[in-house]
Every structure is written in C-alpha cells, then in structure tokens.
C-alpha cells in the first residue's frame, strides 16, 4: 500500500483519517493542501475515482466567494479548485490510482 492523505491541518476528518492508518500501523504520507496544493495531474488522478462535485466542500468559507456553484463546466470548476485548495473537501486519501474523499474506513479496509 502506498497511502497518501491530503488534507488541511485543522480538519477533524483529516485527523480521523490519519488516526485510522496510524492505529493499524499502515505507513502513510500526510500532505497539507494549503502548503502543497494538488497539481493538475494529481487532480486528474483523483477525478478518475471521484466525481468533481464530491471534491468541492460546499461548507467552505471560500465556496460562496468563489462562485463555483454557478459554474457549469467542469473544466472551469477544476481550474478554480487548482487555484484555491481551501475548496477541497478533505481528506482526500490516495492508494496508488485509487482515491476517496472524506472519512471512508470501509473502503480503506478493502485496501489492506
């Protein structure tokens, strides 16, 4: 397994995901999106497993400011996400080419 947790430092769900892997002694890499945002390729890799609307945190303070909900084209939404990592719903957990968004222990258990 090659686990990568992408999240935000103050995100409770990110901390829960980190604890999940730590308790099972599964090695993981933790990446804070506000320090190292996803590249276009990384986002495309995640999107192969997850729909774009699942990646957008509608509870984020930046959600209203970004006007992303009024955008129709996914390519425009994706560009906005790339430029504003605070809009991601976290954690984004990757295992090679597989990915999940949010706290999904049922899916992660299948990866073990």
PDB file of N, CA and C in Angstrom:
ATOM      1  N   UNK A   1       0.836  -1.186   0.000  1.00  0.00           N
ATOM      2  CA  UNK A   1       0.000   0.000   0.000  1.00  0.00           C
ATOM      3  C   UNK A   1       0.877   1.243   0.000  1.00  0.00           C
ATOM      4  N   UNK A   2       0.428   2.223  -0.739  1.00  0.00           N
ATOM      5  CA  UNK A   2       1.122   3.498  -0.820  1.00  0.00           C
ATOM      6  C   UNK A   2       0.098   4.592  -0.508  1.00  0.00           C
ATOM      7  N   UNK A   3      -0.156   4.811   0.773  1.00  0.00           N
ATOM      8  CA  UNK A   3      -1.214   5.710   1.208  1.00  0.00           C
ATOM      9  C   UNK A   3      -0.716   7.145   1.290  1.00  0.00           C
ATOM     10  N   UNK A   4      -1.527   8.032   0.749  1.00  0.00           N
ATOM     11  CA  UNK A   4      -1.249   9.466   0.822  1.00  0.00           C
ATOM     12  C   UNK A   4      -2.532  10.140   1.306  1.00  0.00           C
ATOM     13  N   UNK A   5      -2.424  10.889   2.409  1.00  0.00           N
ATOM     14  CA  UNK A   5      -3.560  11.626   2.948  1.00  0.00           C
ATOM     15  C   UNK A   5      -3.346  13.092   2.609  1.00  0.00           C
ATOM     16  N   UNK A   6      -4.290  13.650   1.878  1.00  0.00           N
ATOM     17  CA  UNK A   6      -4.231  15.063   1.514  1.00  0.00           C
ATOM     18  C   UNK A   6      -5.302  15.780   2.312  1.00  0.00           C
ATOM     19  N   UNK A   7      -4.885  16.747   3.104  1.00  0.00           N
ATOM     20  CA  UNK A   7      -5.867  17.408   3.953  1.00  0.00           C
ATOM     21  C   UNK A   7      -5.436  18.779   4.400  1.00  0.00           C
ATOM     22  N   UNK A   8      -6.155  19.265   5.390  1.00  0.00           N
ATOM     23  CA  UNK A   8      -5.902  20.580   5.975  1.00  0.00           C
ATOM     24  C   UNK A   8      -5.608  20.353   7.460  1.00  0.00           C
ATOM     25  N   UNK A   9      -4.646  21.084   8.011  1.00  0.00           N
ATOM     26  CA  UNK A   9      -4.207  20.873   9.390  1.00  0.00           C
ATOM     27  C   UNK A   9      -5.344  20.873  10.410  1.00  0.00           C
ATOM     28  N   UNK A  10      -6.266  21.796  10.306  1.00  0.00           N
ATOM     29  CA  UNK A  10      -7.319  21.941  11.311  1.00  0.00           C
ATOM     30  C   UNK A  10      -8.559  21.105  11.010  1.00  0.00           C
ATOM     31  N   UNK A  11      -8.508  20.272   9.989  1.00  0.00           N
ATOM     32  CA  UNK A  11      -9.671  19.476   9.592  1.00  0.00           C
ATOM     33  C   UNK A  11      -9.807  18.234  10.475  1.00  0.00           C
ATOM     34  N   UNK A  12     -10.936  18.120  11.150  1.00  0.00           N
ATOM     35  CA  UNK A  12     -11.197  16.992  12.040  1.00  0.00           C
ATOM     36  C   UNK A  12     -11.206  15.673  11.271  1.00  0.00           C
ATOM     37  N   UNK A  13     -11.810  15.658  10.082  1.00  0.00           N
ATOM     38  CA  UNK A  13     -11.884  14.444   9.268  1.00  0.00           C
ATOM     39  C   UNK A  13     -10.490  13.984   8.829  1.00  0.00           C
ATOM     40  N   UNK A  14      -9.607  14.920   8.522  1.00  0.00           N
ATOM     41  CA  UNK A  14      -8.231  14.589   8.158  1.00  0.00           C
ATOM     42  C   UNK A  14      -7.526  13.929   9.336  1.00  0.00           C
ATOM     43  N   UNK A  15      -7.729  14.465  10.522  1.00  0.00           N
ATOM     44  CA  UNK A  15      -7.118  13.899  11.732  1.00  0.00           C
ATOM     45  C   UNK A  15      -7.650  12.488  11.991  1.00  0.00           C
ATOM     46  N   UNK A  16      -8.948  12.268  11.736  1.00  0.00           N
ATOM     47  CA  UNK A  16      -9.527  10.929  11.910  1.00  0.00           C
ATOM     48  C   UNK A  16      -8.909   9.949  10.918  1.00  0.00           C
ATOM     49  N   UNK A  17      -8.718  10.380   9.681  1.00  0.00           N
ATOM     50  CA  UNK A  17      -8.105   9.508   8.674  1.00  0.00           C
ATOM     51  C   UNK A  17      -6.680   9.158   9.073  1.00  0.00           C
ATOM     52  N   UNK A  18      -5.947  10.143   9.542  1.00  0.00           N
ATOM     53  CA  UNK A  18      -4.572   9.903   9.982  1.00  0.00           C
ATOM     54  C   UNK A  18      -4.548   8.898  11.137  1.00  0.00           C
ATOM     55  N   UNK A  19      -5.468   9.059  12.077  1.00  0.00           N
ATOM     56  CA  UNK A  19      -5.548   8.148  13.224  1.00  0.00           C
ATOM     57  C   UNK A  19      -5.894   6.721  12.766  1.00  0.00           C
ATOM     58  N   UNK A  20      -6.790   6.608  11.770  1.00  0.00           N
ATOM     59  CA  UNK A  20      -7.180   5.299  11.240  1.00  0.00           C
ATOM     60  C   UNK A  20      -5.946   4.518  10.776  1.00  0.00           C
ATOM     61  N   UNK A  21      -5.104   5.143   9.977  1.00  0.00           N
ATOM     62  CA  UNK A  21      -3.932   4.447   9.442  1.00  0.00           C
ATOM     63  C   UNK A  21      -2.854   4.255  10.504  1.00  0.00           C
ATOM     64  N   UNK A  22      -2.736   5.216  11.403  1.00  0.00           N
ATOM     65  CA  UNK A  22      -1.735   5.116  12.469  1.00  0.00           C
ATOM     66  C   UNK A  22      -2.067   3.941  13.393  1.00  0.00           C
ATOM     67  N   UNK A  23      -3.341   3.785  13.755  1.00  0.00           N
ATOM     68  CA  UNK A  23      -3.760   2.701  14.652  1.00  0.00           C
ATOM     69  C   UNK A  23      -3.516   1.327  14.040  1.00  0.00           C
ATOM     70  N   UNK A  24      -3.550   1.235  12.735  1.00  0.00           N
ATOM     71  CA  UNK A  24      -3.340  -0.044  12.043  1.00  0.00           C
ATOM     72  C   UNK A  24      -1.895  -0.234  11.591  1.00  0.00           C
ATOM     73  N   UNK A  25      -1.054   0.700  12.011  1.00  0.00           N
ATOM     74  CA  UNK A  25       0.377   0.673  11.669  1.00  0.00           C
ATOM     75  C   UNK A  25       0.605   0.584  10.153  1.00  0.00           C
ATOM     76  N   UNK A  26      -0.214   1.334   9.419  1.00  0.00           N
ATOM     77  CA  UNK A  26      -0.075   1.406   7.974  1.00  0.00           C
ATOM     78  C   UNK A  26       0.660   2.706   7.664  1.00  0.00           C
ATOM     79  N   UNK A  27       1.770   2.594   6.964  1.00  0.00           N
ATOM     80  CA  UNK A  27       2.550   3.779   6.625  1.00  0.00           C
ATOM     81  C   UNK A  27       1.761   4.655   5.662  1.00  0.00           C
ATOM     82  N   UNK A  28       1.876   5.947   5.882  1.00  0.00           N
ATOM     83  CA  UNK A  28       1.177   6.908   5.034  1.00  0.00           C
ATOM     84  C   UNK A  28       2.001   8.183   4.930  1.00  0.00           C
ATOM     85  N   UNK A  29       1.693   8.958   3.927  1.00  0.00           N
ATOM     86  CA  UNK A  29       2.313  10.263   3.754  1.00  0.00           C
ATOM     87  C   UNK A  29       1.205  11.298   3.935  1.00  0.00           C
ATOM     88  N   UNK A  30       1.436  12.288   4.778  1.00  0.00           N
ATOM     89  CA  UNK A  30       0.455  13.336   5.027  1.00  0.00           C
ATOM     90  C   UNK A  30       0.886  14.597   4.296  1.00  0.00           C
ATOM     91  N   UNK A  31       0.017  15.124   3.461  1.00  0.00           N
ATOM     92  CA  UNK A  31       0.304  16.330   2.690  1.00  0.00           C
ATOM     93  C   UNK A  31      -0.782  17.351   2.993  1.00  0.00           C
ATOM     94  N   UNK A  32      -0.361  18.542   3.411  1.00  0.00           N
ATOM     95  CA  UNK A  32      -1.317  19.608   3.682  1.00  0.00           C
ATOM     96  C   UNK A  32      -1.538  20.408   2.405  1.00  0.00           C
ATOM     97  N   UNK A  33      -2.790  20.455   1.963  1.00  0.00           N
ATOM     98  CA  UNK A  33      -3.129  21.091   0.695  1.00  0.00           C
ATOM     99  C   UNK A  33      -2.851  22.591   0.688  1.00  0.00           C
ATOM    100  N   UNK A  34      -2.912  23.230   1.852  1.00  0.00           N
ATOM    101  CA  UNK A  34      -2.625  24.663   1.882  1.00  0.00           C
ATOM    102  C   UNK A  34      -1.124  24.935   1.753  1.00  0.00           C
ATOM    103  N   UNK A  35      -0.294  23.931   2.001  1.00  0.00           N
ATOM    104  CA  UNK A  35       1.153  24.072   1.836  1.00  0.00           C
ATOM    105  C   UNK A  35       1.616  23.552   0.475  1.00  0.00           C
ATOM    106  N   UNK A  36       1.010  22.460   0.023  1.00  0.00           N
ATOM    107  CA  UNK A  36       1.366  21.875  -1.268  1.00  0.00           C
ATOM    108  C   UNK A  36       0.076  21.451  -1.972  1.00  0.00           C
ATOM    109  N   UNK A  37      -0.501  22.352  -2.761  1.00  0.00           N
ATOM    110  CA  UNK A  37      -1.763  22.030  -3.443  1.00  0.00           C
ATOM    111  C   UNK A  37      -1.579  20.930  -4.489  1.00  0.00           C
ATOM    112  N   UNK A  38      -2.689  20.317  -4.864  1.00  0.00           N
ATOM    113  CA  UNK A  38      -2.656  19.288  -5.896  1.00  0.00           C
ATOM    114  C   UNK A  38      -2.235  19.887  -7.234  1.00  0.00           C
ATOM    115  N   UNK A  39      -1.448  19.138  -7.972  1.00  0.00           N
ATOM    116  CA  UNK A  39      -1.117  19.549  -9.336  1.00  0.00           C
ATOM    117  C   UNK A  39      -2.277  19.130 -10.236  1.00  0.00           C
ATOM    118  N   UNK A  40      -2.255  19.601 -11.450  1.00  0.00           N
ATOM    119  CA  UNK A  40      -3.319  19.264 -12.394  1.00  0.00           C
ATOM    120  C   UNK A  40      -3.378  17.755 -12.615  1.00  0.00           C
ATOM    121  N   UNK A  41      -2.224  17.120 -12.739  1.00  0.00           N
ATOM    122  CA  UNK A  41      -2.165  15.662 -12.939  1.00  0.00           C
ATOM    123  C   UNK A  41      -2.684  14.900 -11.736  1.00  0.00           C
ATOM    124  N   UNK A  42      -2.313  15.357 -10.545  1.00  0.00           N
ATOM    125  CA  UNK A  42      -2.795  14.700  -9.324  1.00  0.00           C
ATOM    126  C   UNK A  42      -4.316  14.815  -9.223  1.00  0.00           C
ATOM    127  N   UNK A  43      -4.842  15.977  -9.548  1.00  0.00           N
ATOM    128  CA  UNK A  43      -6.286  16.168  -9.502  1.00  0.00           C
ATOM    129  C   UNK A  43      -6.978  15.256 -10.515  1.00  0.00           C
ATOM    130  N   UNK A  44      -6.415  15.116 -11.689  1.00  0.00           N
ATOM    131  CA  UNK A  44      -6.987  14.224 -12.703  1.00  0.00           C
ATOM    132  C   UNK A  44      -6.963  12.775 -12.229  1.00  0.00           C
ATOM    133  N   UNK A  45      -5.900  12.395 -11.534  1.00  0.00           N
ATOM    134  CA  UNK A  45      -5.793  11.049 -10.978  1.00  0.00           C
ATOM    135  C   UNK A  45      -6.893  10.801  -9.943  1.00  0.00           C
ATOM    136  N   UNK A  46      -7.133  11.759  -9.085  1.00  0.00           N
ATOM    137  CA  UNK A  46      -8.195  11.644  -8.081  1.00  0.00           C
ATOM    138  C   UNK A  46      -9.555  11.615  -8.771  1.00  0.00           C
ATOM    139  N   UNK A  47      -9.719  12.452  -9.784  1.00  0.00           N
ATOM    140  CA  UNK A  47     -11.001  12.522 -10.507  1.00  0.00           C
ATOM    141  C   UNK A  47     -11.336  11.235 -11.247  1.00  0.00           C
ATOM    142  N   UNK A  48     -10.358  10.403 -11.502  1.00  0.00           N
ATOM    143  CA  UNK A  48     -10.626   9.116 -12.147  1.00  0.00           C
ATOM    144  C   UNK A  48     -11.454   8.217 -11.229  1.00  0.00           C
ATOM    145  N   UNK A  49     -11.422   8.505  -9.925  1.00  0.00           N
ATOM    146  CA  UNK A  49     -12.147   7.708  -8.922  1.00  0.00           C
ATOM    147  C   UNK A  49     -13.297   8.446  -8.255  1.00  0.00           C
ATOM    148  N   UNK A  50     -13.267   9.755  -8.331  1.00  0.00           N
ATOM    149  CA  UNK A  50     -14.206  10.579  -7.582  1.00  0.00           C
ATOM    150  C   UNK A  50     -14.775  11.658  -8.502  1.00  0.00           C
ATOM    151  N   UNK A  51     -16.077  11.885  -8.392  1.00  0.00           N
ATOM    152  CA  UNK A  51     -16.680  12.947  -9.191  1.00  0.00           C
ATOM    153  C   UNK A  51     -16.258  14.317  -8.650  1.00  0.00           C
ATOM    154  N   UNK A  52     -16.211  15.283  -9.547  1.00  0.00           N
ATOM    155  CA  UNK A  52     -15.765  16.623  -9.178  1.00  0.00           C
ATOM    156  C   UNK A  52     -16.620  17.222  -8.064  1.00  0.00           C
ATOM    157  N   UNK A  53     -17.927  17.004  -8.117  1.00  0.00           N
ATOM    158  CA  UNK A  53     -18.811  17.593  -7.096  1.00  0.00           C
ATOM    159  C   UNK A  53     -18.512  17.046  -5.698  1.00  0.00           C
ATOM    160  N   UNK A  54     -17.967  15.827  -5.613  1.00  0.00           N
ATOM    161  CA  UNK A  54     -17.591  15.262  -4.310  1.00  0.00           C
ATOM    162  C   UNK A  54     -16.355  15.944  -3.739  1.00  0.00           C
ATOM    163  N   UNK A  55     -15.528  16.507  -4.591  1.00  0.00           N
ATOM    164  CA  UNK A  55     -14.288  17.152  -4.163  1.00  0.00           C
ATOM    165  C   UNK A  55     -14.505  18.554  -3.608  1.00  0.00           C
ATOM    166  N   UNK A  56     -15.654  19.141  -3.900  1.00  0.00           N
ATOM    167  CA  UNK A  56     -15.903  20.534  -3.522  1.00  0.00           C
ATOM    168  C   UNK A  56     -16.611  20.588  -2.170  1.00  0.00           C
ATOM    169  N   UNK A  57     -16.014  21.315  -1.250  1.00  0.00           N
ATOM    170  CA  UNK A  57     -16.583  21.479   0.090  1.00  0.00           C
ATOM    171  C   UNK A  57     -17.559  22.642   0.079  1.00  0.00           C
ATOM    172  N   UNK A  58     -18.843  22.323   0.032  1.00  0.00           N
ATOM    173  CA  UNK A  58     -19.860  23.380  -0.033  1.00  0.00           C
ATOM    174  C   UNK A  58     -20.007  24.122   1.303  1.00  0.00           C
ATOM    175  N   UNK A  59     -19.385  23.613   2.363  1.00  0.00           N
ATOM    176  CA  UNK A  59     -19.425  24.279   3.667  1.00  0.00           C
ATOM    177  C   UNK A  59     -18.231  25.216   3.871  1.00  0.00           C
ATOM    178  N   UNK A  60     -17.327  25.220   2.905  1.00  0.00           N
ATOM    179  CA  UNK A  60     -16.134  26.060   2.994  1.00  0.00           C
ATOM    180  C   UNK A  60     -16.508  27.535   2.945  1.00  0.00           C
ATOM    181  N   UNK A  61     -15.763  28.357   3.681  1.00  0.00           N
ATOM    182  CA  UNK A  61     -15.995  29.807   3.664  1.00  0.00           C
ATOM    183  C   UNK A  61     -15.745  30.366   2.257  1.00  0.00           C
ATOM    184  N   UNK A  62     -14.833  29.754   1.523  1.00  0.00           N
ATOM    185  CA  UNK A  62     -14.486  30.244   0.187  1.00  0.00           C
ATOM    186  C   UNK A  62     -15.472  29.785  -0.889  1.00  0.00           C
ATOM    187  N   UNK A  63     -16.378  28.884  -0.531  1.00  0.00           N
ATOM    188  CA  UNK A  63     -17.324  28.355  -1.519  1.00  0.00           C
ATOM    189  C   UNK A  63     -18.189  29.467  -2.121  1.00  0.00           C
ATOM    190  N   UNK A  64     -18.781  30.287  -1.277  1.00  0.00           N
ATOM    191  CA  UNK A  64     -19.619  31.387  -1.766  1.00  0.00           C
ATOM    192  C   UNK A  64     -18.792  32.425  -2.513  1.00  0.00           C
ATOM    193  N   UNK A  65     -17.611  32.743  -1.982  1.00  0.00           N
ATOM    194  CA  UNK A  65     -16.752  33.753  -2.601  1.00  0.00           C
ATOM    195  C   UNK A  65     -16.320  33.348  -4.014  1.00  0.00           C
ATOM    196  N   UNK A  66     -16.103  32.056  -4.204  1.00  0.00           N
ATOM    197  CA  UNK A  66     -15.540  31.577  -5.471  1.00  0.00           C
ATOM    198  C   UNK A  66     -16.555  31.556  -6.617  1.00  0.00           C
ATOM    199  N   UNK A  67     -17.840  31.564  -6.271  1.00  0.00           N
ATOM    200  CA  UNK A  67     -18.904  31.471  -7.285  1.00  0.00           C
ATOM    201  C   UNK A  67     -18.873  30.140  -8.039  1.00  0.00           C
ATOM    202  N   UNK A  68     -18.226  29.159  -7.487  1.00  0.00           N
ATOM    203  CA  UNK A  68     -18.066  27.870  -8.164  1.00  0.00           C
ATOM    204  C   UNK A  68     -19.414  27.171  -8.382  1.00  0.00           C
ATOM    205  N   UNK A  69     -20.379  27.421  -7.507  1.00  0.00           N
ATOM    206  CA  UNK A  69     -21.676  26.751  -7.651  1.00  0.00           C
ATOM    207  C   UNK A  69     -22.429  27.228  -8.891  1.00  0.00           C
ATOM    208  N   UNK A  70     -22.061  28.392  -9.403  1.00  0.00           N
ATOM    209  CA  UNK A  70     -22.728  28.923 -10.592  1.00  0.00           C
ATOM    210  C   UNK A  70     -22.034  28.521 -11.887  1.00  0.00           C
ATOM    211  N   UNK A  71     -20.894  27.869 -11.767  1.00  0.00           N
ATOM    212  CA  UNK A  71     -20.148  27.430 -12.952  1.00  0.00           C
ATOM    213  C   UNK A  71     -20.781  26.161 -13.496  1.00  0.00           C
ATOM    214  N   UNK A  72     -20.863  26.056 -14.789  1.00  0.00           N
ATOM    215  CA  UNK A  72     -21.470  24.875 -15.407  1.00  0.00           C
ATOM    216  C   UNK A  72     -20.416  23.871 -15.885  1.00  0.00           C
ATOM    217  N   UNK A  73     -19.328  24.360 -16.399  1.00  0.00           N
ATOM    218  CA  UNK A  73     -18.327  23.472 -16.989  1.00  0.00           C
ATOM    219  C   UNK A  73     -17.370  22.940 -15.926  1.00  0.00           C
ATOM    220  N   UNK A  74     -17.150  21.631 -15.957  1.00  0.00           N
ATOM    221  CA  UNK A  74     -16.237  21.004 -15.006  1.00  0.00           C
ATOM    222  C   UNK A  74     -14.819  21.528 -15.153  1.00  0.00           C
ATOM    223  N   UNK A  75     -14.409  21.843 -16.374  1.00  0.00           N
ATOM    224  CA  UNK A  75     -13.039  22.329 -16.584  1.00  0.00           C
ATOM    225  C   UNK A  75     -12.818  23.653 -15.846  1.00  0.00           C
ATOM    226  N   UNK A  76     -13.841  24.512 -15.813  1.00  0.00           N
ATOM    227  CA  UNK A  76     -13.739  25.787 -15.096  1.00  0.00           C
ATOM    228  C   UNK A  76     -13.698  25.529 -13.591  1.00  0.00           C
ATOM    229  N   UNK A  77     -14.558  24.628 -13.111  1.00  0.00           N
ATOM    230  CA  UNK A  77     -14.573  24.276 -11.679  1.00  0.00           C
ATOM    231  C   UNK A  77     -13.223  23.686 -11.269  1.00  0.00           C
ATOM    232  N   UNK A  78     -12.680  22.843 -12.125  1.00  0.00           N
ATOM    233  CA  UNK A  78     -11.401  22.210 -11.823  1.00  0.00           C
ATOM    234  C   UNK A  78     -10.296  23.262 -11.723  1.00  0.00           C
ATOM    235  N   UNK A  79     -10.326  24.236 -12.592  1.00  0.00           N
ATOM    236  CA  UNK A  79      -9.330  25.321 -12.564  1.00  0.00           C
ATOM    237  C   UNK A  79      -9.445  26.126 -11.279  1.00  0.00           C
ATOM    238  N   UNK A  80     -10.667  26.384 -10.842  1.00  0.00           N
ATOM    239  CA  UNK A  80     -10.887  27.115  -9.587  1.00  0.00           C
ATOM    240  C   UNK A  80     -10.352  26.305  -8.411  1.00  0.00           C
ATOM    241  N   UNK A  81     -10.609  24.991  -8.408  1.00  0.00           N
ATOM    242  CA  UNK A  81     -10.092  24.121  -7.344  1.00  0.00           C
ATOM    243  C   UNK A  81      -8.571  24.136  -7.295  1.00  0.00           C
ATOM    244  N   UNK A  82      -7.942  24.077  -8.461  1.00  0.00           N
ATOM    245  CA  UNK A  82      -6.476  24.075  -8.518  1.00  0.00           C
ATOM    246  C   UNK A  82      -5.883  25.344  -7.921  1.00  0.00           C
ATOM    247  N   UNK A  83      -6.612  26.441  -8.056  1.00  0.00           N
ATOM    248  CA  UNK A  83      -6.117  27.729  -7.565  1.00  0.00           C
ATOM    249  C   UNK A  83      -6.554  28.062  -6.142  1.00  0.00           C
ATOM    250  N   UNK A  84      -7.451  27.252  -5.566  1.00  0.00           N
ATOM    251  CA  UNK A  84      -7.933  27.521  -4.218  1.00  0.00           C
ATOM    252  C   UNK A  84      -8.103  26.212  -3.443  1.00  0.00           C
ATOM    253  N   UNK A  85      -7.035  25.724  -2.822  1.00  0.00           N
ATOM    254  CA  UNK A  85      -7.103  24.449  -2.102  1.00  0.00           C
ATOM    255  C   UNK A  85      -8.057  24.435  -0.917  1.00  0.00           C
ATOM    256  N   UNK A  86      -8.512  25.596  -0.464  1.00  0.00           N
ATOM    257  CA  UNK A  86      -9.464  25.643   0.650  1.00  0.00           C
ATOM    258  C   UNK A  86     -10.844  25.140   0.231  1.00  0.00           C
ATOM    259  N   UNK A  87     -11.062  24.971  -1.053  1.00  0.00           N
ATOM    260  CA  UNK A  87     -12.351  24.495  -1.553  1.00  0.00           C
ATOM    261  C   UNK A  87     -12.475  22.975  -1.560  1.00  0.00           C
ATOM    262  N   UNK A  88     -11.363  22.277  -1.354  1.00  0.00           N
ATOM    263  CA  UNK A  88     -11.415  20.809  -1.367  1.00  0.00           C
ATOM    264  C   UNK A  88     -12.101  20.276  -0.129  1.00  0.00           C
ATOM    265  N   UNK A  89     -12.922  19.271  -0.320  1.00  0.00           N
ATOM    266  CA  UNK A  89     -13.461  18.514   0.807  1.00  0.00           C
ATOM    267  C   UNK A  89     -12.346  17.557   1.204  1.00  0.00           C
ATOM    268  N   UNK A  90     -12.035  17.494   2.470  1.00  0.00           N
ATOM    269  CA  UNK A  90     -10.921  16.665   2.912  1.00  0.00           C
ATOM    270  C   UNK A  90     -11.378  15.646   3.945  1.00  0.00           C
ATOM    271  N   UNK A  91     -10.625  14.585   4.136  1.00  0.00           N
ATOM    272  CA  UNK A  91      -9.365  14.269   3.489  1.00  0.00           C
ATOM    273  C   UNK A  91      -9.576  13.612   2.125  1.00  0.00           C
ATOM    274  N   UNK A  92      -8.607  13.797   1.284  1.00  0.00           N
ATOM    275  CA  UNK A  92      -8.521  13.034   0.043  1.00  0.00           C
ATOM    276  C   UNK A  92      -7.466  11.973   0.325  1.00  0.00           C
ATOM    277  N   UNK A  93      -7.861  10.723   0.250  1.00  0.00           N
ATOM    278  CA  UNK A  93      -6.935   9.632   0.561  1.00  0.00           C
ATOM    279  C   UNK A  93      -6.671   8.854  -0.728  1.00  0.00           C
ATOM    280  N   UNK A  94      -5.387   8.722  -1.039  1.00  0.00           N
ATOM    281  CA  UNK A  94      -4.992   8.020  -2.260  1.00  0.00           C
ATOM    282  C   UNK A  94      -4.207   6.766  -1.910  1.00  0.00           C
ATOM    283  N   UNK A  95      -4.443   5.736  -2.704  1.00  0.00           N
ATOM    284  CA  UNK A  95      -3.690   4.495  -2.612  1.00  0.00           C
ATOM    285  C   UNK A  95      -3.354   4.106  -4.044  1.00  0.00           C
ATOM    286  N   UNK A  96      -2.202   4.527  -4.510  1.00  0.00           N
ATOM    287  CA  UNK A  96      -1.866   4.309  -5.910  1.00  0.00           C
ATOM    288  C   UNK A  96      -2.826   5.080  -6.791  1.00  0.00           C
ATOM    289  N   UNK A  97      -3.575   4.362  -7.623  1.00  0.00           N
ATOM    290  CA  UNK A  97      -4.531   5.021  -8.516  1.00  0.00           C
ATOM    291  C   UNK A  97      -5.931   5.120  -7.927  1.00  0.00           C
ATOM    292  N   UNK A  98      -6.135   4.546  -6.753  1.00  0.00           N
ATOM    293  CA  UNK A  98      -7.436   4.616  -6.090  1.00  0.00           C
ATOM    294  C   UNK A  98      -7.485   5.869  -5.218  1.00  0.00           C
ATOM    295  N   UNK A  99      -8.691   6.390  -5.012  1.00  0.00           N
ATOM    296  CA  UNK A  99      -8.836   7.584  -4.175  1.00  0.00           C
ATOM    297  C   UNK A  99     -10.226   7.650  -3.565  1.00  0.00           C
ATOM    298  N   UNK A 100     -10.286   8.281  -2.392  1.00  0.00           N
ATOM    299  CA  UNK A 100     -11.560   8.549  -1.725  1.00  0.00           C
ATOM    300  C   UNK A 100     -11.548   9.992  -1.229  1.00  0.00           C
ATOM    301  N   UNK A 101     -12.734  10.508  -0.964  1.00  0.00           N
ATOM    302  CA  UNK A 101     -12.873  11.841  -0.385  1.00  0.00           C
ATOM    303  C   UNK A 101     -13.724  11.693   0.867  1.00  0.00           C
ATOM    304  N   UNK A 102     -13.236  12.275   1.960  1.00  0.00           N
ATOM    305  CA  UNK A 102     -13.943  12.161   3.226  1.00  0.00           C
ATOM    306  C   UNK A 102     -13.431  10.964   4.016  1.00  0.00           C
ATOM    307  N   UNK A 103     -14.018  10.756   5.164  1.00  0.00           N
ATOM    308  CA  UNK A 103     -13.624   9.650   6.039  1.00  0.00           C
ATOM    309  C   UNK A 103     -14.344   8.391   5.576  1.00  0.00           C
ATOM    310  N   UNK A 104     -13.607   7.437   4.975  1.00  0.00           N
ATOM    311  CA  UNK A 104     -14.197   6.230   4.376  1.00  0.00           C
ATOM    312  C   UNK A 104     -13.478   4.948   4.840  1.00  0.00           C
ATOM    313  N   UNK A 105     -13.581   4.602   6.118  1.00  0.00           N
ATOM    314  CA  UNK A 105     -12.871   3.425   6.625  1.00  0.00           C
ATOM    315  C   UNK A 105     -13.291   2.121   5.953  1.00  0.00           C
ATOM    316  N   UNK A 106     -14.551   2.027   5.485  1.00  0.00           N
ATOM    317  CA  UNK A 106     -14.993   0.795   4.817  1.00  0.00           C
ATOM    318  C   UNK A 106     -14.203   0.550   3.537  1.00  0.00           C
ATOM    319  N   UNK A 107     -13.942   1.607   2.792  1.00  0.00           N
ATOM    320  CA  UNK A 107     -13.172   1.490   1.553  1.00  0.00           C
ATOM    321  C   UNK A 107     -11.715   1.217   1.882  1.00  0.00           C
ATOM    322  N   UNK A 108     -11.167   1.910   2.862  1.00  0.00           N
ATOM    323  CA  UNK A 108      -9.756   1.743   3.218  1.00  0.00           C
ATOM    324  C   UNK A 108      -9.472   0.334   3.715  1.00  0.00           C
ATOM    325  N   UNK A 109     -10.441  -0.284   4.400  1.00  0.00           N
ATOM    326  CA  UNK A 109     -10.271  -1.639   4.905  1.00  0.00           C
ATOM    327  C   UNK A 109     -10.050  -2.609   3.741  1.00  0.00           C
ATOM    328  N   UNK A 110     -10.739  -2.358   2.618  1.00  0.00           N
ATOM    329  CA  UNK A 110     -10.574  -3.194   1.427  1.00  0.00           C
ATOM    330  C   UNK A 110      -9.172  -3.051   0.835  1.00  0.00           C
ATOM    331  N   UNK A 111      -8.507  -1.943   1.072  1.00  0.00           N
ATOM    332  CA  UNK A 111      -7.167  -1.709   0.542  1.00  0.00           C
ATOM    333  C   UNK A 111      -6.112  -2.505   1.300  1.00  0.00           C
ATOM    334  N   UNK A 112      -6.417  -2.899   2.530  1.00  0.00           N
ATOM    335  CA  UNK A 112      -5.408  -3.577   3.376  1.00  0.00           C
ATOM    336  C   UNK A 112      -5.047  -4.931   2.843  1.00  0.00           C
TER     337      UNK A 112
END
